[in-house]
Each structure stands twice: as C-alpha cells, then as structure tokens.
C-alpha cells in the first residue's frame, strides 16, 4: 500500500512538471509564448500564397506541345501576371499599424518592425524578374516548332507584339519574358540580346489590362457600395476573424484587443516574409495552419465578390480583351495582319475578369462566409492556386483540316498555367472558332463606356 502511495505521488509530480513545461505559468516572464512552426516551402507548395513553387516556376524540364492531327498552331495570345513584388501601399500601411501593436509583444521583439518601405511598393523583387524570364524560356520549349518558325526571320514588332500595363512591374516583367524568348537571337553585346518594343496604354484608357480601374459602374456598385459583399465580409469577420483576433490578443497580451480586420494583413505579412526572406518564423508563427487556411479564404472570398462571379458586371468587363483577341485572330486569318504572337502582361484582377467573362475558372459553389472547411478545401480556382505571380493564360489558335480538299477550320484552346480549360459551350478543349464566337456573343464589339456608365 505504501509503495502504491509513493508511485501515485510520483505520477502527480510528473504530471505537474509536464504541464508546467508544456504550458508555462501565466505569471512568469515566459507568458505569451505560444508560437506555431511552419516550413516556408511547405506553405508555398500547399498553395496558401501567391507564390509559385520553385519546382515549376524555374524548371526547364518542359516537353514540346503535341499538336492535334492535321492541325497547325498559328497564333499565341498570352495574358500573364507580372512577377513577384513588394507589398502594395494598403499592405504596407497595415504592416506599419501592426508594428506599433507588436512592438511590446515579447515573441515579436526580433521581427516586429516593418521591413517593407513605402517607396518600394509594388516594385518587382529579383525573383519577380526571374519568374517571367523562365516563363519565356518555358514558352519556347513548349511551343518549340511555333517559335522556331517565328525566329527564322529577324524580330519584327508587327509579328510579335508585347503589351504591358502602364507601371514598372508589368513592363519589367514583359521585358524579362522577352529575354526568355529571344535571348541569343539579337544583335546586342556578347549575349546577343534582342531589344523589343513593349507597348503601354495610359492606365485611365486601358480597358484591356486595367478595365477594373476604368469602369464607373464597377467602382460605384461593386468596389465601394456592395451590400452583398459587405454582408459576407461582416459575417466572416464575426464568425472567423474575431475568434482568431481574440485568441491572439489573449496569447500575446495585446491590449486593446487586436482589430479582427487586421488579422488578414498578418497573413499577408506572413506571405511577404516567406517570399522575401524565406522565413516562416516571424508573422507566420502567430498563425496555426488552420488560421492560414481561413485567412487565405478571406482574400479568395473578397476576390470572388469584387472581381469574379460575385457580381454579374464582372461577367461583362473582360469584353474589350475578347474584342481585341477576335480581331487579332481574324485579321491574321484574312491576311490583313502578320501578327502571330500577342503577349500581354497585366494584373490578377484583370485576368480574373477576363476568365469570368468567358465563364471559366469557376468553382462549384459561390464563395460565401458560411462555407465549411471541407468546401474551402474543394476550391480549385483562386488567386493563390491559379492566378499567382507570373501565372499564364494562353489562347492557342490552330488551323485544322481533315481533308486536303476542304477549307481549313480554325480552333481555339485555352490553357491556364499549361493546363487546358474547357470553354463552356464547346465540345472539347479544342473549340471550333465559330462556337467560341457564339459563346462570347455580343461581348465581341462591346461598348465598354456604355456598359460601365462612363461619361
């Protein structure tokens, strides 16, 4: 009996010290030390961030495209996002607020300061210059025969057209892509670089790449006065953001308590520290993986309501892009244009609108505040998963013939990051050109200013 009491006392002491070590004592100096450990590359591979994994972003292990039988690739129309960058001004201002909140939080004392200066906002980082360069090299490898035919003659800006949004990150990305395509084929220096012409339209006139900035109705009814999104945002704030903010305030002794709507910017801070410094032991360490998943979804839900299917207007606002695409294809086919490659570098929001206007890149359910975690896991199309930095959308134009005596037919295929997407209304991924135009209907030749209520 005595030995049993000794054993019982010993087990109680073990349990006491185990809990003391594991949980700490709230009155000690070691309070508020609960942190989460993450592998930064694992977070990237799980597609929580707008960062493409290095194994696909920088690979040259790309197989040439197999054309369909009796078909020939005649044109490429590329819409791509610029490379990885510094945070935007809204993020940087939020990071400055977080710096003041966390300056007295012991776990953050080594990294609470904002390392991202406002004067560098939106600018490309070295990785963001390399990504489009490798996109260009991958394009040459994938469309091997096409580019070999293009390069049989000297570079011609009327044959290969580059267009970029009117800002440094898009223009520099377009230049890097051109280096990936033409490096070694030009007259400059020992590397034989090829200078190319990159066209830009002033932002307030660019309804192809920056249509979301130039639509009055969109600004008034979707961005600034959107009761449907406001309700979803409010609900998600109460049900998901507020508990995370409360837990963090308690864990780290933050008073006054953390504003729930700052928590999504902690996620962005986490993302940019992984991108710039390959570190997940700073702002990411404040978030569990479940927190990261929920905060990633907050931004996905926002994109859905502001730039995708959450607003019917977004199913129209990509119409100028398609008008230009159809014109470019038909001008080439009727012999009035020599252009075979139309390569545009823009932004995620414009790309989302272009895909939404065509009815593709659509998840099986609306992205609302009440989705379950299992539904969130089912999301296939999002900025982080498919429209990440330096992602690519190609429209491939083919001429095909089943019989040499018959007139050749034209087909179009859409590939997102080299994965085909079936265009609604088309029988296969290689869609008949006439069917494609029927799918677009009156979106071809649209009056953008009338659509948007512009003066």
Protein backbone atom coordinates (compact mmCIF):
# COMPACT_ATOMS: atom_id res chain seq x y z
CA UNK A 1 0.00 0.00 0.00
CA UNK A 2 2.84 2.36 0.92
CA UNK A 3 4.57 1.71 -2.44
CA UNK A 4 1.29 2.48 -4.23
CA UNK A 5 1.09 5.90 -2.46
CA UNK A 6 4.69 6.69 -3.40
CA UNK A 7 4.03 5.76 -7.02
CA UNK A 8 0.82 7.82 -7.03
CA UNK A 9 2.64 10.86 -5.65
CA UNK A 10 5.44 10.42 -8.17
CA UNK A 11 2.95 10.35 -11.08
CA UNK A 12 1.24 13.51 -9.83
CA UNK A 13 4.61 15.31 -9.70
CA UNK A 14 5.46 14.18 -13.23
CA UNK A 15 2.07 15.42 -14.45
CA UNK A 16 2.60 18.78 -12.67
CA UNK A 17 6.05 19.40 -14.10
CA UNK A 18 4.97 18.20 -17.53
CA UNK A 19 2.19 20.79 -17.60
CA UNK A 20 4.48 23.47 -16.21
CA UNK A 21 6.99 22.92 -19.00
CA UNK A 22 4.40 22.49 -21.73
CA UNK A 23 2.02 25.30 -20.84
CA UNK A 24 4.12 27.69 -18.83
CA UNK A 25 2.92 29.86 -15.98
CA UNK A 26 0.96 32.98 -16.92
CA UNK A 27 2.63 34.93 -14.15
CA UNK A 28 6.15 34.18 -15.38
CA UNK A 29 8.23 36.21 -17.85
CA UNK A 30 7.71 33.39 -20.34
CA UNK A 31 3.99 34.11 -20.71
CA UNK A 32 2.50 34.72 -24.18
CA UNK A 33 5.00 32.47 -25.98
CA UNK A 34 2.65 30.24 -27.96
CA UNK A 35 4.04 30.07 -31.49
CA UNK A 36 3.45 27.80 -34.47
CA UNK A 37 6.17 26.21 -36.58
CA UNK A 38 5.90 26.07 -40.37
CA UNK A 39 8.15 25.10 -43.23
CA UNK A 40 8.01 28.05 -45.66
CA UNK A 41 8.34 25.84 -48.73
CA UNK A 42 5.59 23.56 -47.44
CA UNK A 43 3.25 26.57 -47.16
CA UNK A 44 4.09 27.52 -50.75
CA UNK A 45 3.50 24.00 -52.07
CA UNK A 46 0.11 23.90 -50.35
CA UNK A 47 -0.87 26.98 -52.42
CA UNK A 48 -1.65 29.24 -49.49
CA UNK A 49 0.34 32.06 -51.07
CA UNK A 50 0.55 33.82 -54.43
CA UNK A 51 4.00 32.25 -54.85
CA UNK A 52 4.54 29.54 -57.44
CA UNK A 53 6.65 26.62 -56.15
CA UNK A 54 10.21 26.75 -57.45
CA UNK A 55 9.97 23.26 -58.95
CA UNK A 56 7.50 24.55 -61.56
CA UNK A 57 8.43 28.24 -61.69
CA UNK A 58 12.09 27.69 -62.57
CA UNK A 59 12.08 24.36 -64.33
CA UNK A 60 13.25 23.86 -67.90
CA UNK A 61 12.01 20.30 -67.95
CA UNK A 62 9.18 21.21 -70.31
CA UNK A 63 8.03 18.90 -73.11
CA UNK A 64 7.11 20.31 -76.53
CA UNK A 65 3.40 20.52 -77.27
CA UNK A 66 1.88 17.72 -79.35
CA UNK A 67 -0.45 19.34 -81.87
CA UNK A 68 -3.71 17.58 -82.79
CA UNK A 69 -3.62 15.57 -86.02
CA UNK A 70 -3.72 17.71 -89.16
CA UNK A 71 -3.64 20.89 -87.10
CA UNK A 72 -1.04 23.64 -87.04
CA UNK A 73 -0.52 26.22 -84.30
CA UNK A 74 -0.84 29.59 -86.00
CA UNK A 75 -1.11 32.14 -83.20
CA UNK A 76 -0.45 32.55 -79.48
CA UNK A 77 -2.34 35.07 -77.35
CA UNK A 78 -0.83 35.31 -73.88
CA UNK A 79 -2.26 37.08 -70.84
CA UNK A 80 0.14 36.84 -67.92
CA UNK A 81 0.59 38.36 -64.48
CA UNK A 82 3.70 40.28 -63.53
CA UNK A 83 6.32 38.65 -61.30
CA UNK A 84 6.65 38.61 -57.51
CA UNK A 85 6.84 42.05 -55.93
CA UNK A 86 6.96 44.23 -52.85
CA UNK A 87 3.69 44.71 -50.94
CA UNK A 88 1.13 47.25 -52.10
CA UNK A 89 0.52 50.54 -50.22
CA UNK A 90 -2.51 49.18 -48.34
CA UNK A 91 -0.46 46.25 -47.05
CA UNK A 92 2.45 48.48 -46.06
CA UNK A 93 0.20 50.85 -44.09
CA UNK A 94 -1.35 47.83 -42.31
CA UNK A 95 2.14 46.47 -41.57
CA UNK A 96 3.03 49.84 -40.01
CA UNK A 97 -0.01 49.55 -37.73
CA UNK A 98 0.97 46.01 -36.78
CA UNK A 99 4.49 47.20 -35.98
CA UNK A 100 3.12 49.60 -33.34
CA UNK A 101 0.80 46.94 -31.89
CA UNK A 102 3.50 44.26 -31.63
CA UNK A 103 6.46 46.37 -30.54
CA UNK A 104 5.82 45.39 -26.89
CA UNK A 105 4.98 41.74 -27.62
CA UNK A 106 7.93 39.69 -26.40
CA UNK A 107 7.76 36.97 -29.07
CA UNK A 108 7.94 39.62 -31.81
CA UNK A 109 10.83 41.67 -30.45
CA UNK A 110 13.25 40.40 -33.14
CA UNK A 111 10.96 40.99 -36.12
CA UNK A 112 8.02 43.29 -35.35
CA UNK A 113 9.43 46.16 -37.45
CA UNK A 114 8.10 46.54 -40.98
CA UNK A 115 10.97 45.84 -43.43
CA UNK A 116 8.99 46.92 -46.50
CA UNK A 117 9.44 50.64 -47.30
CA UNK A 118 6.60 52.54 -48.93
CA UNK A 119 8.91 53.86 -51.65
CA UNK A 120 9.34 50.29 -52.99
CA UNK A 121 5.63 49.46 -53.07
CA UNK A 122 4.56 47.25 -55.99
CA UNK A 123 8.12 47.02 -57.38
CA UNK A 124 9.48 43.69 -58.61
CA UNK A 125 11.94 41.76 -56.48
CA UNK A 126 14.79 39.72 -58.06
CA UNK A 127 12.66 36.57 -58.02
CA UNK A 128 9.92 38.54 -59.77
CA UNK A 129 12.34 39.36 -62.58
CA UNK A 130 13.41 35.74 -62.94
CA UNK A 131 9.88 34.27 -63.00
CA UNK A 132 8.76 35.88 -66.30
CA UNK A 133 12.19 35.19 -67.82
CA UNK A 134 11.64 31.49 -67.14
CA UNK A 135 8.05 31.80 -68.41
CA UNK A 136 9.53 32.97 -71.71
CA UNK A 137 12.00 30.09 -71.82
CA UNK A 138 9.24 27.61 -70.96
CA UNK A 139 7.11 29.07 -73.76
CA UNK A 140 9.91 28.46 -76.26
CA UNK A 141 10.28 24.88 -75.05
CA UNK A 142 6.56 24.11 -75.00
CA UNK A 143 5.78 25.77 -78.32
CA UNK A 144 9.02 24.62 -79.87
CA UNK A 145 8.01 24.41 -83.55
CA UNK A 146 5.99 27.62 -83.37
CA UNK A 147 8.87 29.73 -82.01
CA UNK A 148 11.40 28.14 -84.36
CA UNK A 149 9.25 29.26 -87.27
CA UNK A 150 8.93 32.77 -85.80
CA UNK A 151 12.70 33.06 -85.34
CA UNK A 152 13.54 32.11 -88.91
CA UNK A 153 13.45 35.84 -89.64
CA UNK A 154 14.63 38.80 -87.63
CA UNK A 155 12.44 40.00 -84.73
CA UNK A 156 9.57 42.11 -86.04
CA UNK A 157 7.31 44.10 -83.64
CA UNK A 158 4.42 43.65 -86.07
CA UNK A 159 4.78 39.88 -85.84
CA UNK A 160 5.44 39.51 -82.11
CA UNK A 161 3.60 42.15 -80.09
CA UNK A 162 4.27 42.94 -76.45
CA UNK A 163 1.87 44.99 -74.33
CA UNK A 164 2.19 45.79 -70.63
CA UNK A 165 0.17 47.62 -68.04
CA UNK A 166 1.42 51.16 -67.54
CA UNK A 167 3.59 50.51 -64.48
CA UNK A 168 7.07 49.28 -63.76
CA UNK A 169 6.23 45.76 -62.58
CA UNK A 170 4.31 44.88 -65.76
CA UNK A 171 6.74 46.49 -68.20
CA UNK A 172 9.77 44.95 -66.49
CA UNK A 173 8.07 41.54 -66.45
CA UNK A 174 7.29 41.85 -70.17
CA UNK A 175 10.93 42.70 -70.82
CA UNK A 176 12.08 39.68 -68.78
CA UNK A 177 9.68 37.42 -70.72
CA UNK A 178 11.09 38.74 -74.00
CA UNK A 179 14.59 37.88 -72.79
CA UNK A 180 13.45 34.33 -72.15
CA UNK A 181 12.10 34.09 -75.69
CA UNK A 182 14.74 35.98 -77.71
CA UNK A 183 17.95 35.90 -75.70
CA UNK A 184 20.71 34.76 -78.07
CA UNK A 185 18.84 35.81 -81.21
CA UNK A 186 19.58 39.54 -81.16
CA UNK A 187 22.46 41.89 -82.01
CA UNK A 188 23.40 43.32 -78.59
CA UNK A 189 26.51 42.51 -76.58
CA UNK A 190 28.10 39.11 -76.12
CA UNK A 191 24.78 37.54 -75.06
CA UNK A 192 23.14 38.72 -78.30
CA UNK A 193 20.17 40.31 -76.56
CA UNK A 194 17.20 41.36 -78.64
CA UNK A 195 15.61 44.76 -77.96
CA UNK A 196 11.82 44.59 -78.24
CA UNK A 197 9.04 47.14 -78.39
CA UNK A 198 6.68 46.98 -75.39
CA UNK A 199 3.51 48.99 -75.83
CA UNK A 200 1.60 50.51 -72.91
CA UNK A 201 -1.67 52.43 -72.82
CA UNK A 202 -2.23 55.07 -70.09
CA UNK A 203 -3.95 53.39 -67.18
CA UNK A 204 -7.11 55.51 -67.43
CA UNK A 205 -7.52 54.44 -71.07
CA UNK A 206 -6.52 50.77 -70.80
CA UNK A 207 -9.75 48.74 -70.87
CA UNK A 208 -7.89 45.58 -71.88
CA UNK A 209 -5.49 45.05 -68.96
CA UNK A 210 -6.80 47.52 -66.37
CA UNK A 211 -10.52 47.55 -67.07
CA UNK A 212 -11.36 47.41 -63.36
CA UNK A 213 -9.83 50.90 -62.94
CA UNK A 214 -11.92 52.45 -65.70
CA UNK A 215 -15.47 51.28 -65.09
CA UNK A 216 -17.56 53.84 -63.21
CA UNK A 217 -20.41 51.42 -62.50
CA UNK A 218 -17.97 48.85 -61.14
CA UNK A 219 -16.46 51.42 -58.79
CA UNK A 220 -19.84 52.64 -57.58
CA UNK A 221 -21.72 49.35 -57.18
CA UNK A 222 -19.07 46.67 -56.64
CA UNK A 223 -15.98 48.20 -55.05
CA UNK A 224 -17.46 51.00 -52.91
CA UNK A 225 -21.13 50.22 -52.28
CA UNK A 226 -21.63 46.48 -52.39
CA UNK A 227 -24.19 45.35 -49.76
CA UNK A 228 -23.84 41.66 -50.71
CA UNK A 229 -20.07 41.68 -50.18
CA UNK A 230 -20.39 43.88 -47.09
CA UNK A 231 -22.72 41.33 -45.52
CA UNK A 232 -20.35 38.44 -46.31
CA UNK A 233 -17.37 40.42 -45.04
CA UNK A 234 -19.20 41.32 -41.81
CA UNK A 235 -20.32 37.74 -41.24
CA UNK A 236 -16.85 36.31 -41.87
CA UNK A 237 -15.38 38.96 -39.61
CA UNK A 238 -17.62 37.91 -36.73
CA UNK A 239 -17.52 34.17 -37.22
CA UNK A 240 -13.91 33.63 -38.30
CA UNK A 241 -11.68 36.70 -37.96
CA UNK A 242 -12.88 37.74 -34.49
CA UNK A 243 -12.07 34.40 -32.79
CA UNK A 244 -8.58 34.42 -34.32
CA UNK A 245 -8.03 38.02 -33.16
CA UNK A 246 -9.33 37.17 -29.66
CA UNK A 247 -7.07 34.15 -29.35
CA UNK A 248 -4.02 36.13 -30.49
CA UNK A 249 -4.82 39.02 -28.14
CA UNK A 250 -5.01 36.58 -25.22
CA UNK A 251 -1.97 34.54 -26.28
CA UNK A 252 0.30 37.56 -26.70
CA UNK A 253 -1.09 40.02 -24.18
CA UNK A 254 -2.32 42.56 -26.73
CA UNK A 255 -4.40 45.40 -25.31
CA UNK A 256 -6.57 46.95 -26.55
CA UNK A 257 -7.53 43.71 -28.30
CA UNK A 258 -6.49 43.22 -31.91
CA UNK A 259 -8.90 44.51 -34.56
CA UNK A 260 -10.21 41.39 -36.39
CA UNK A 261 -9.79 43.10 -39.78
CA UNK A 262 -6.05 43.46 -39.17
CA UNK A 263 -5.68 39.68 -38.95
CA UNK A 264 -5.82 39.15 -42.77
CA UNK A 265 -2.86 41.54 -43.00
CA UNK A 266 -0.93 39.38 -40.56
CA UNK A 267 -1.44 36.65 -43.15
CA UNK A 268 -0.09 38.96 -45.88
CA UNK A 269 2.86 39.87 -43.63
CA UNK A 270 3.48 36.14 -43.25
CA UNK A 271 3.32 35.69 -47.02
CA UNK A 272 5.76 38.50 -47.80
CA UNK A 273 8.28 37.33 -45.20
CA UNK A 274 8.21 33.90 -46.83
CA UNK A 275 8.56 35.48 -50.29
CA UNK A 276 11.35 37.93 -49.47
CA UNK A 277 13.27 36.16 -46.71
CA UNK A 278 12.14 32.50 -46.85
CA UNK A 279 11.15 32.80 -43.19
CA UNK A 280 8.04 31.39 -41.57
CA UNK A 281 9.27 32.01 -38.03
CA UNK A 282 8.02 35.60 -37.86
CA UNK A 283 4.40 36.60 -38.61
CA UNK A 284 3.54 33.10 -39.82
CA UNK A 285 4.43 31.78 -36.37
CA UNK A 286 1.46 33.65 -34.91
CA UNK A 287 -0.91 31.59 -37.07
CA UNK A 288 -1.81 27.93 -36.99
CA UNK A 289 -2.11 26.21 -40.34
CA UNK A 290 -5.89 26.29 -39.88
CA UNK A 291 -5.66 30.07 -39.33
CA UNK A 292 -3.62 30.39 -42.54
CA UNK A 293 -6.20 28.41 -44.48
CA UNK A 294 -9.07 30.55 -43.14
CA UNK A 295 -7.22 33.81 -43.86
CA UNK A 296 -6.31 32.68 -47.36
CA UNK A 297 -10.01 32.09 -47.90
CA UNK A 298 -10.85 35.61 -46.69
CA UNK A 299 -8.91 37.03 -49.66
CA UNK A 300 -10.39 34.42 -52.04
CA UNK A 301 -13.89 35.41 -50.93
CA UNK A 302 -13.03 39.08 -51.46
CA UNK A 303 -11.76 38.41 -55.00
CA UNK A 304 -14.91 36.43 -55.78
CA UNK A 305 -17.24 39.29 -54.86
CA UNK A 306 -15.19 42.16 -56.27
CA UNK A 307 -13.61 40.68 -59.43
CA UNK A 308 -15.34 37.40 -60.24
CA UNK A 309 -18.78 35.81 -60.22
CA UNK A 310 -19.98 37.62 -57.11
CA UNK A 311 -21.02 40.49 -59.40
CA UNK A 312 -22.83 39.98 -62.75
CA UNK A 313 -20.98 43.02 -64.11
CA UNK A 314 -17.72 41.08 -63.94
CA UNK A 315 -19.16 38.65 -66.48
CA UNK A 316 -19.04 41.50 -68.99
CA UNK A 317 -15.98 43.59 -68.13
CA UNK A 318 -13.48 41.39 -69.98
CA UNK A 319 -15.27 42.11 -73.25
CA UNK A 320 -12.66 44.54 -74.61
CA UNK A 321 -9.97 41.89 -74.24
CA UNK A 322 -12.03 39.40 -76.27
CA UNK A 323 -12.93 42.01 -78.87
CA UNK A 324 -9.22 42.59 -79.43
CA UNK A 325 -8.50 38.85 -79.40
CA UNK A 326 -11.13 38.07 -82.04
CA UNK A 327 -9.98 40.98 -84.18
CA UNK A 328 -6.36 39.83 -83.95
CA UNK A 329 -7.21 36.27 -84.97
CA UNK A 330 -9.45 37.19 -87.87
CA UNK A 331 -7.09 39.87 -89.18
CA UNK A 332 -4.35 37.26 -89.34
CA UNK A 333 -6.60 34.67 -90.98
CA UNK A 334 -7.78 37.08 -93.70
CA UNK A 335 -4.24 38.23 -94.42
CA UNK A 336 -4.53 41.82 -93.17
CA UNK A 337 -2.16 41.23 -90.22
CA UNK A 338 1.16 39.45 -89.80
CA UNK A 339 0.88 39.20 -86.02
CA UNK A 340 1.35 35.65 -84.73
CA UNK A 341 2.09 36.29 -81.04
CA UNK A 342 0.22 38.81 -78.88
CA UNK A 343 1.86 38.80 -75.44
CA UNK A 344 0.23 40.89 -72.70
CA UNK A 345 1.48 41.41 -69.15
CA UNK A 346 -1.06 42.63 -66.64
CA UNK A 347 -2.58 42.06 -63.21
CA UNK A 348 -4.52 39.40 -61.33
CA UNK A 349 -7.74 41.42 -61.17
CA UNK A 350 -7.86 41.91 -64.92
CA UNK A 351 -7.08 38.23 -65.52
CA UNK A 352 -9.88 37.16 -63.16
CA UNK A 353 -12.33 39.38 -65.05
CA UNK A 354 -11.23 38.02 -68.43
CA UNK A 355 -11.76 34.43 -67.24
CA UNK A 356 -15.08 35.31 -65.58
CA UNK A 357 -16.34 36.96 -68.77
CA UNK A 358 -15.74 33.68 -70.62
CA UNK A 359 -17.44 31.64 -67.89
CA UNK A 360 -14.37 29.61 -66.93
CA UNK A 361 -12.24 29.47 -63.76
CA UNK A 362 -15.46 28.82 -61.84
CA UNK A 363 -15.73 26.87 -58.60
CA UNK A 364 -18.75 24.60 -57.99
CA UNK A 365 -20.30 26.97 -55.42
CA UNK A 366 -20.28 30.70 -54.57
CA UNK A 367 -17.51 31.76 -52.18
CA UNK A 368 -19.51 32.95 -49.19
CA UNK A 369 -18.86 33.44 -45.49
CA UNK A 370 -20.59 30.23 -44.46
CA UNK A 371 -18.52 27.71 -46.44
CA UNK A 372 -17.36 24.72 -44.44
CA UNK A 373 -13.67 23.85 -44.21
CA UNK A 374 -14.26 20.84 -46.46
CA UNK A 375 -15.77 23.15 -49.09
CA UNK A 376 -12.84 25.54 -48.78
CA UNK A 377 -10.56 22.56 -49.43
CA UNK A 378 -12.51 21.86 -52.65
CA UNK A 379 -11.74 25.27 -54.13
CA UNK A 380 -9.77 24.69 -57.32
CA UNK A 381 -9.61 28.19 -58.79
CA UNK A 382 -8.27 31.12 -56.81
CA UNK A 383 -5.55 33.75 -56.94
CA UNK A 384 -3.16 31.64 -54.86
CA UNK A 385 -3.80 28.41 -56.74
CA UNK A 386 -4.04 29.60 -60.34
CA UNK A 387 -3.51 33.39 -60.76
CA UNK A 388 -0.37 33.63 -58.66
CA UNK A 389 2.52 35.94 -59.56
CA UNK A 390 3.72 35.24 -63.11
CA UNK A 391 0.88 32.85 -63.91
CA UNK A 392 -0.01 32.46 -67.60
CA UNK A 393 -3.18 32.23 -69.69
CA UNK A 394 -2.63 31.17 -73.30
CA UNK A 395 -5.19 31.15 -76.09
CA UNK A 396 -3.79 28.84 -78.78
CA UNK A 397 -5.13 29.35 -82.31
CA UNK A 398 -5.00 26.38 -84.73
CA UNK A 399 -5.95 25.78 -88.33
CA UNK A 400 -7.01 22.19 -88.98
CA UNK A 401 -8.04 20.07 -91.95
CA UNK A 402 -9.46 16.56 -92.13
CA UNK A 403 -9.26 16.59 -95.91
CA UNK A 404 -6.78 18.43 -98.11
CA UNK A 405 -9.58 19.43 -100.49
CA UNK A 406 -11.68 21.03 -97.79
CA UNK A 407 -11.30 24.51 -96.37
CA UNK A 408 -9.32 24.50 -93.16
CA UNK A 409 -11.20 25.13 -89.90
CA UNK A 410 -9.98 27.31 -87.07
CA UNK A 411 -9.88 26.08 -83.48
CA UNK A 412 -9.01 27.76 -80.18
CA UNK A 413 -7.75 26.24 -76.96
CA UNK A 414 -7.43 27.89 -73.54
CA UNK A 415 -4.64 26.76 -71.20
CA UNK A 416 -4.11 28.14 -67.71
CA UNK A 417 -0.56 27.55 -66.48
CA UNK A 418 -0.34 24.91 -69.25
CA UNK A 419 -3.46 23.10 -68.00
CA UNK A 420 -6.35 23.11 -70.54
CA UNK A 421 -9.69 24.61 -69.51
CA UNK A 422 -12.90 23.59 -71.26
CA UNK A 423 -14.71 26.64 -72.56
CA UNK A 424 -18.46 26.39 -71.73
CA UNK A 425 -20.46 25.56 -74.85
CA UNK A 426 -17.52 23.86 -76.58
CA UNK A 427 -17.49 20.11 -77.22
CA UNK A 428 -13.80 19.68 -76.46
CA UNK A 429 -10.81 21.70 -75.30
CA UNK A 430 -10.07 22.38 -78.99
CA UNK A 431 -13.07 24.59 -79.63
CA UNK A 432 -14.38 25.49 -83.05
CA UNK A 433 -13.74 29.20 -83.72
CA UNK A 434 -17.37 29.77 -84.74
CA UNK A 435 -18.56 28.17 -81.49
CA UNK A 436 -16.16 30.29 -79.45
CA UNK A 437 -17.59 33.46 -81.00
CA UNK A 438 -21.15 32.27 -80.29
CA UNK A 439 -20.19 31.72 -76.65
CA UNK A 440 -18.97 35.33 -76.44
CA UNK A 441 -21.96 36.69 -78.36
CA UNK A 442 -22.41 40.45 -78.03
CA UNK A 443 -19.36 40.69 -75.78
CA UNK A 444 -17.44 40.94 -79.05
CA UNK A 445 -17.50 44.58 -80.09
CA UNK A 446 -18.96 45.74 -76.77
CA UNK A 447 -19.35 49.42 -75.89
CA UNK A 448 -17.29 49.47 -72.69
CA UNK A 449 -18.21 53.03 -71.75
CA UNK A 450 -21.91 52.32 -72.15
CA UNK A 451 -21.57 49.07 -70.18
CA UNK A 452 -19.84 50.92 -67.35
CA UNK A 453 -21.93 54.09 -67.39
CA UNK A 454 -18.84 56.14 -68.14
CA UNK A 455 -19.35 59.75 -69.23
